[in-house]
């Protein structure tokens, strides 16, 4: 029997740093770690997959665009990466996704407000929006227990 796959933000998976600041946010939750050991996790980084470098200036959603701290519109790169993440999720037939909260790509319940002042507001990143539009359930790294419950409920 093949274990259900889970799409995850690459920064949560760990290993090569992919975040804007050149670091990762490797998740250490025991459930997440078990899934990693079982080979269930399918890591993606929409920003890198969209062609952005590591490190890179931070970016935030401003209206319907994604703008970096230098004032450069990086919406195209974010959209390219988001579309690649959806293609990967479909190809891998993932059961659900765990994405990095607050990111302009991967935030599932909050994002930064576009002022670059560290203020968070309710909202979702571009990749999460496209994943949800394609029928995928998305959790943040703060909801791993909830994700595990969802996995157990849907695997019956």
C-alpha atoms as a PDB file:
ATOM      1  CA  UNK A   1       0.000   0.000   0.000  1.00  0.00           C
ATOM      2  CA  UNK A   2       1.345   3.432  -0.956  1.00  0.00           C
ATOM      3  CA  UNK A   3       1.274   6.035   1.807  1.00  0.00           C
ATOM      4  CA  UNK A   4      -0.542   9.300   0.980  1.00  0.00           C
ATOM      5  CA  UNK A   5       1.816  12.112  -0.045  1.00  0.00           C
ATOM      6  CA  UNK A   6       1.875  15.583   1.508  1.00  0.00           C
ATOM      7  CA  UNK A   7       3.026  18.724  -0.335  1.00  0.00           C
ATOM      8  CA  UNK A   8       5.154  20.911   1.983  1.00  0.00           C
ATOM      9  CA  UNK A   9       6.975  24.210   1.816  1.00  0.00           C
ATOM     10  CA  UNK A  10      10.641  23.424   1.169  1.00  0.00           C
ATOM     11  CA  UNK A  11      11.773  25.709   4.008  1.00  0.00           C
ATOM     12  CA  UNK A  12       9.817  23.505   6.435  1.00  0.00           C
ATOM     13  CA  UNK A  13      11.310  20.339   4.971  1.00  0.00           C
ATOM     14  CA  UNK A  14      14.824  21.540   5.768  1.00  0.00           C
ATOM     15  CA  UNK A  15      18.108  20.954   4.006  1.00  0.00           C
ATOM     16  CA  UNK A  16      19.161  23.519   1.419  1.00  0.00           C
ATOM     17  CA  UNK A  17      18.094  26.998   2.553  1.00  0.00           C
ATOM     18  CA  UNK A  18      15.486  28.528   0.245  1.00  0.00           C
ATOM     19  CA  UNK A  19      13.988  31.395   2.235  1.00  0.00           C
ATOM     20  CA  UNK A  20      14.458  35.038   1.273  1.00  0.00           C
ATOM     21  CA  UNK A  21      16.928  35.435   4.165  1.00  0.00           C
ATOM     22  CA  UNK A  22      19.044  32.441   3.110  1.00  0.00           C
ATOM     23  CA  UNK A  23      17.846  30.257   5.995  1.00  0.00           C
ATOM     24  CA  UNK A  24      15.330  27.501   6.452  1.00  0.00           C
ATOM     25  CA  UNK A  25      12.608  26.950   9.020  1.00  0.00           C
ATOM     26  CA  UNK A  26      12.998  23.184   9.267  1.00  0.00           C
ATOM     27  CA  UNK A  27      10.010  21.746  11.082  1.00  0.00           C
ATOM     28  CA  UNK A  28      10.897  19.593  14.090  1.00  0.00           C
ATOM     29  CA  UNK A  29       7.403  18.405  15.063  1.00  0.00           C
ATOM     30  CA  UNK A  30       7.533  14.647  15.691  1.00  0.00           C
ATOM     31  CA  UNK A  31       4.571  13.954  13.400  1.00  0.00           C
ATOM     32  CA  UNK A  32       6.160  15.947  10.561  1.00  0.00           C
ATOM     33  CA  UNK A  33       9.470  14.187  11.173  1.00  0.00           C
ATOM     34  CA  UNK A  34       7.738  10.790  11.006  1.00  0.00           C
ATOM     35  CA  UNK A  35       6.171  11.745   7.662  1.00  0.00           C
ATOM     36  CA  UNK A  36       9.612  12.849   6.416  1.00  0.00           C
ATOM     37  CA  UNK A  37      11.146   9.474   7.411  1.00  0.00           C
ATOM     38  CA  UNK A  38       8.251   7.635   5.732  1.00  0.00           C
ATOM     39  CA  UNK A  39       8.953   9.456   2.467  1.00  0.00           C
ATOM     40  CA  UNK A  40       5.511  11.085   2.349  1.00  0.00           C
ATOM     41  CA  UNK A  41       6.686  14.684   2.027  1.00  0.00           C
ATOM     42  CA  UNK A  42       6.934  16.386  -1.359  1.00  0.00           C
ATOM     43  CA  UNK A  43       8.874  19.657  -0.846  1.00  0.00           C
ATOM     44  CA  UNK A  44       8.364  22.701  -3.082  1.00  0.00           C
ATOM     45  CA  UNK A  45       9.577  26.288  -2.922  1.00  0.00           C
ATOM     46  CA  UNK A  46       7.414  28.427  -5.203  1.00  0.00           C
ATOM     47  CA  UNK A  47       9.788  31.387  -5.010  1.00  0.00           C
ATOM     48  CA  UNK A  48      12.855  29.411  -6.082  1.00  0.00           C
ATOM     49  CA  UNK A  49      10.816  27.375  -8.582  1.00  0.00           C
ATOM     50  CA  UNK A  50       9.632  30.694 -10.021  1.00  0.00           C
ATOM     51  CA  UNK A  51      13.227  31.784 -10.629  1.00  0.00           C
ATOM     52  CA  UNK A  52      14.024  33.934  -7.588  1.00  0.00           C
ATOM     53  CA  UNK A  53      17.477  33.677  -5.975  1.00  0.00           C
ATOM     54  CA  UNK A  54      18.492  32.792  -2.412  1.00  0.00           C
ATOM     55  CA  UNK A  55      18.871  35.095  -0.612  1.00  0.00           C
ATOM     56  CA  UNK A  56      16.487  37.688  -2.055  1.00  0.00           C
ATOM     57  CA  UNK A  57      14.725  40.823  -0.821  1.00  0.00           C
ATOM     58  CA  UNK A  58      11.596  40.051   1.202  1.00  0.00           C
ATOM     59  CA  UNK A  59       8.311  40.467  -0.660  1.00  0.00           C
ATOM     60  CA  UNK A  60       4.739  41.179   0.363  1.00  0.00           C
ATOM     61  CA  UNK A  61       1.357  41.207  -1.314  1.00  0.00           C
ATOM     62  CA  UNK A  62       0.302  44.753  -2.215  1.00  0.00           C
ATOM     63  CA  UNK A  63      -3.177  44.765  -3.726  1.00  0.00           C
ATOM     64  CA  UNK A  64      -3.123  42.178  -6.501  1.00  0.00           C
ATOM     65  CA  UNK A  65       0.672  42.295  -6.961  1.00  0.00           C
ATOM     66  CA  UNK A  66       3.667  40.923  -5.072  1.00  0.00           C
ATOM     67  CA  UNK A  67       6.302  43.591  -4.538  1.00  0.00           C
ATOM     68  CA  UNK A  68       9.725  43.136  -2.952  1.00  0.00           C
ATOM     69  CA  UNK A  69      11.277  45.503  -0.420  1.00  0.00           C
ATOM     70  CA  UNK A  70      13.193  47.219  -3.235  1.00  0.00           C
ATOM     71  CA  UNK A  71       9.911  48.116  -4.959  1.00  0.00           C
ATOM     72  CA  UNK A  72      10.298  45.536  -7.751  1.00  0.00           C
ATOM     73  CA  UNK A  73       7.181  43.676  -8.924  1.00  0.00           C
ATOM     74  CA  UNK A  74       7.873  39.931  -8.600  1.00  0.00           C
ATOM     75  CA  UNK A  75       4.311  38.760  -9.232  1.00  0.00           C
ATOM     76  CA  UNK A  76       5.293  36.862 -12.394  1.00  0.00           C
ATOM     77  CA  UNK A  77       7.936  34.821 -10.574  1.00  0.00           C
ATOM     78  CA  UNK A  78       5.552  34.055  -7.717  1.00  0.00           C
ATOM     79  CA  UNK A  79       2.803  33.012 -10.152  1.00  0.00           C
ATOM     80  CA  UNK A  80       5.198  30.757 -12.091  1.00  0.00           C
ATOM     81  CA  UNK A  81       6.259  29.070  -8.851  1.00  0.00           C
ATOM     82  CA  UNK A  82       2.662  28.759  -7.629  1.00  0.00           C
ATOM     83  CA  UNK A  83       1.622  27.098 -10.879  1.00  0.00           C
ATOM     84  CA  UNK A  84       4.582  24.704 -10.594  1.00  0.00           C
ATOM     85  CA  UNK A  85       3.514  23.789  -7.030  1.00  0.00           C
ATOM     86  CA  UNK A  86      -0.016  22.997  -8.217  1.00  0.00           C
ATOM     87  CA  UNK A  87       1.369  20.838 -11.038  1.00  0.00           C
ATOM     88  CA  UNK A  88       3.541  18.968  -8.532  1.00  0.00           C
ATOM     89  CA  UNK A  89       0.608  18.486  -6.145  1.00  0.00           C
ATOM     90  CA  UNK A  90      -1.518  17.093  -8.978  1.00  0.00           C
ATOM     91  CA  UNK A  91       1.262  14.868 -10.343  1.00  0.00           C
ATOM     92  CA  UNK A  92       2.045  13.464  -6.878  1.00  0.00           C
ATOM     93  CA  UNK A  93      -1.668  13.100  -6.030  1.00  0.00           C
ATOM     94  CA  UNK A  94      -1.051  14.649  -2.609  1.00  0.00           C
ATOM     95  CA  UNK A  95      -3.617  14.179   0.148  1.00  0.00           C
ATOM     96  CA  UNK A  96      -3.130  17.743   1.448  1.00  0.00           C
ATOM     97  CA  UNK A  97      -0.527  20.483   1.880  1.00  0.00           C
ATOM     98  CA  UNK A  98       1.415  22.010   4.783  1.00  0.00           C
ATOM     99  CA  UNK A  99       2.693  25.445   3.877  1.00  0.00           C
ATOM    100  CA  UNK A 100       4.735  28.122   5.703  1.00  0.00           C
ATOM    101  CA  UNK A 101       2.466  30.627   7.395  1.00  0.00           C
ATOM    102  CA  UNK A 102       2.745  34.376   6.631  1.00  0.00           C
ATOM    103  CA  UNK A 103       4.571  33.918   3.312  1.00  0.00           C
ATOM    104  CA  UNK A 104       3.276  35.778   0.231  1.00  0.00           C
ATOM    105  CA  UNK A 105       3.354  32.355  -1.459  1.00  0.00           C
ATOM    106  CA  UNK A 106       2.522  29.895   1.277  1.00  0.00           C
ATOM    107  CA  UNK A 107       0.607  31.745   3.990  1.00  0.00           C
ATOM    108  CA  UNK A 108      -2.648  29.897   4.624  1.00  0.00           C
ATOM    109  CA  UNK A 109      -4.414  32.142   7.134  1.00  0.00           C
ATOM    110  CA  UNK A 110      -2.274  35.270   7.455  1.00  0.00           C
ATOM    111  CA  UNK A 111       0.168  37.296   5.391  1.00  0.00           C
ATOM    112  CA  UNK A 112       2.074  40.532   5.855  1.00  0.00           C
ATOM    113  CA  UNK A 113       0.031  43.641   5.014  1.00  0.00           C
ATOM    114  CA  UNK A 114       2.254  45.033   2.241  1.00  0.00           C
ATOM    115  CA  UNK A 115       3.736  47.865   4.324  1.00  0.00           C
ATOM    116  CA  UNK A 116       6.999  46.010   5.156  1.00  0.00           C
ATOM    117  CA  UNK A 117       6.389  47.031   8.778  1.00  0.00           C
ATOM    118  CA  UNK A 118       5.954  43.482  10.105  1.00  0.00           C
ATOM    119  CA  UNK A 119       2.169  43.776  10.362  1.00  0.00           C
ATOM    120  CA  UNK A 120       0.190  40.595   9.686  1.00  0.00           C
ATOM    121  CA  UNK A 121      -3.371  40.495   8.408  1.00  0.00           C
ATOM    122  CA  UNK A 122      -5.802  37.694   7.575  1.00  0.00           C
ATOM    123  CA  UNK A 123      -5.113  36.409   4.084  1.00  0.00           C
ATOM    124  CA  UNK A 124      -3.495  33.737   1.973  1.00  0.00           C
ATOM    125  CA  UNK A 125      -0.450  33.580  -0.266  1.00  0.00           C
ATOM    126  CA  UNK A 126      -0.640  33.115  -4.017  1.00  0.00           C
ATOM    127  CA  UNK A 127       0.423  29.456  -4.010  1.00  0.00           C
ATOM    128  CA  UNK A 128      -2.066  28.573  -1.282  1.00  0.00           C
ATOM    129  CA  UNK A 129      -4.835  30.331  -3.205  1.00  0.00           C
ATOM    130  CA  UNK A 130      -4.068  28.334  -6.368  1.00  0.00           C
ATOM    131  CA  UNK A 131      -3.799  25.066  -4.404  1.00  0.00           C
ATOM    132  CA  UNK A 132      -7.202  25.693  -2.811  1.00  0.00           C
ATOM    133  CA  UNK A 133      -8.717  26.664  -6.166  1.00  0.00           C
ATOM    134  CA  UNK A 134      -7.540  23.255  -7.404  1.00  0.00           C
ATOM    135  CA  UNK A 135      -9.243  21.450  -4.527  1.00  0.00           C
ATOM    136  CA  UNK A 136      -6.331  20.904  -2.138  1.00  0.00           C
ATOM    137  CA  UNK A 137      -6.724  21.210   1.632  1.00  0.00           C
ATOM    138  CA  UNK A 138      -3.976  23.444   3.048  1.00  0.00           C
ATOM    139  CA  UNK A 139      -2.677  23.613   6.612  1.00  0.00           C
ATOM    140  CA  UNK A 140       0.090  25.738   8.133  1.00  0.00           C
ATOM    141  CA  UNK A 141       3.026  24.384  10.116  1.00  0.00           C
ATOM    142  CA  UNK A 142       1.063  25.418  13.219  1.00  0.00           C
ATOM    143  CA  UNK A 143      -1.667  22.910  12.334  1.00  0.00           C
ATOM    144  CA  UNK A 144       0.275  19.644  12.025  1.00  0.00           C
ATOM    145  CA  UNK A 145      -1.864  17.851  14.618  1.00  0.00           C
ATOM    146  CA  UNK A 146      -4.986  18.999  12.759  1.00  0.00           C
ATOM    147  CA  UNK A 147      -3.415  17.800   9.493  1.00  0.00           C
ATOM    148  CA  UNK A 148      -2.717  14.410  11.043  1.00  0.00           C
ATOM    149  CA  UNK A 149      -6.355  14.154  12.143  1.00  0.00           C
ATOM    150  CA  UNK A 150      -7.441  15.046   8.599  1.00  0.00           C
ATOM    151  CA  UNK A 151      -5.126  12.372   7.186  1.00  0.00           C
ATOM    152  CA  UNK A 152      -6.516   9.717   9.538  1.00  0.00           C
ATOM    153  CA  UNK A 153     -10.090  10.751   8.767  1.00  0.00           C
ATOM    154  CA  UNK A 154      -9.622  10.669   4.975  1.00  0.00           C
ATOM    155  CA  UNK A 155      -7.548   7.460   4.938  1.00  0.00           C
ATOM    156  CA  UNK A 156     -10.334   5.276   6.252  1.00  0.00           C
END
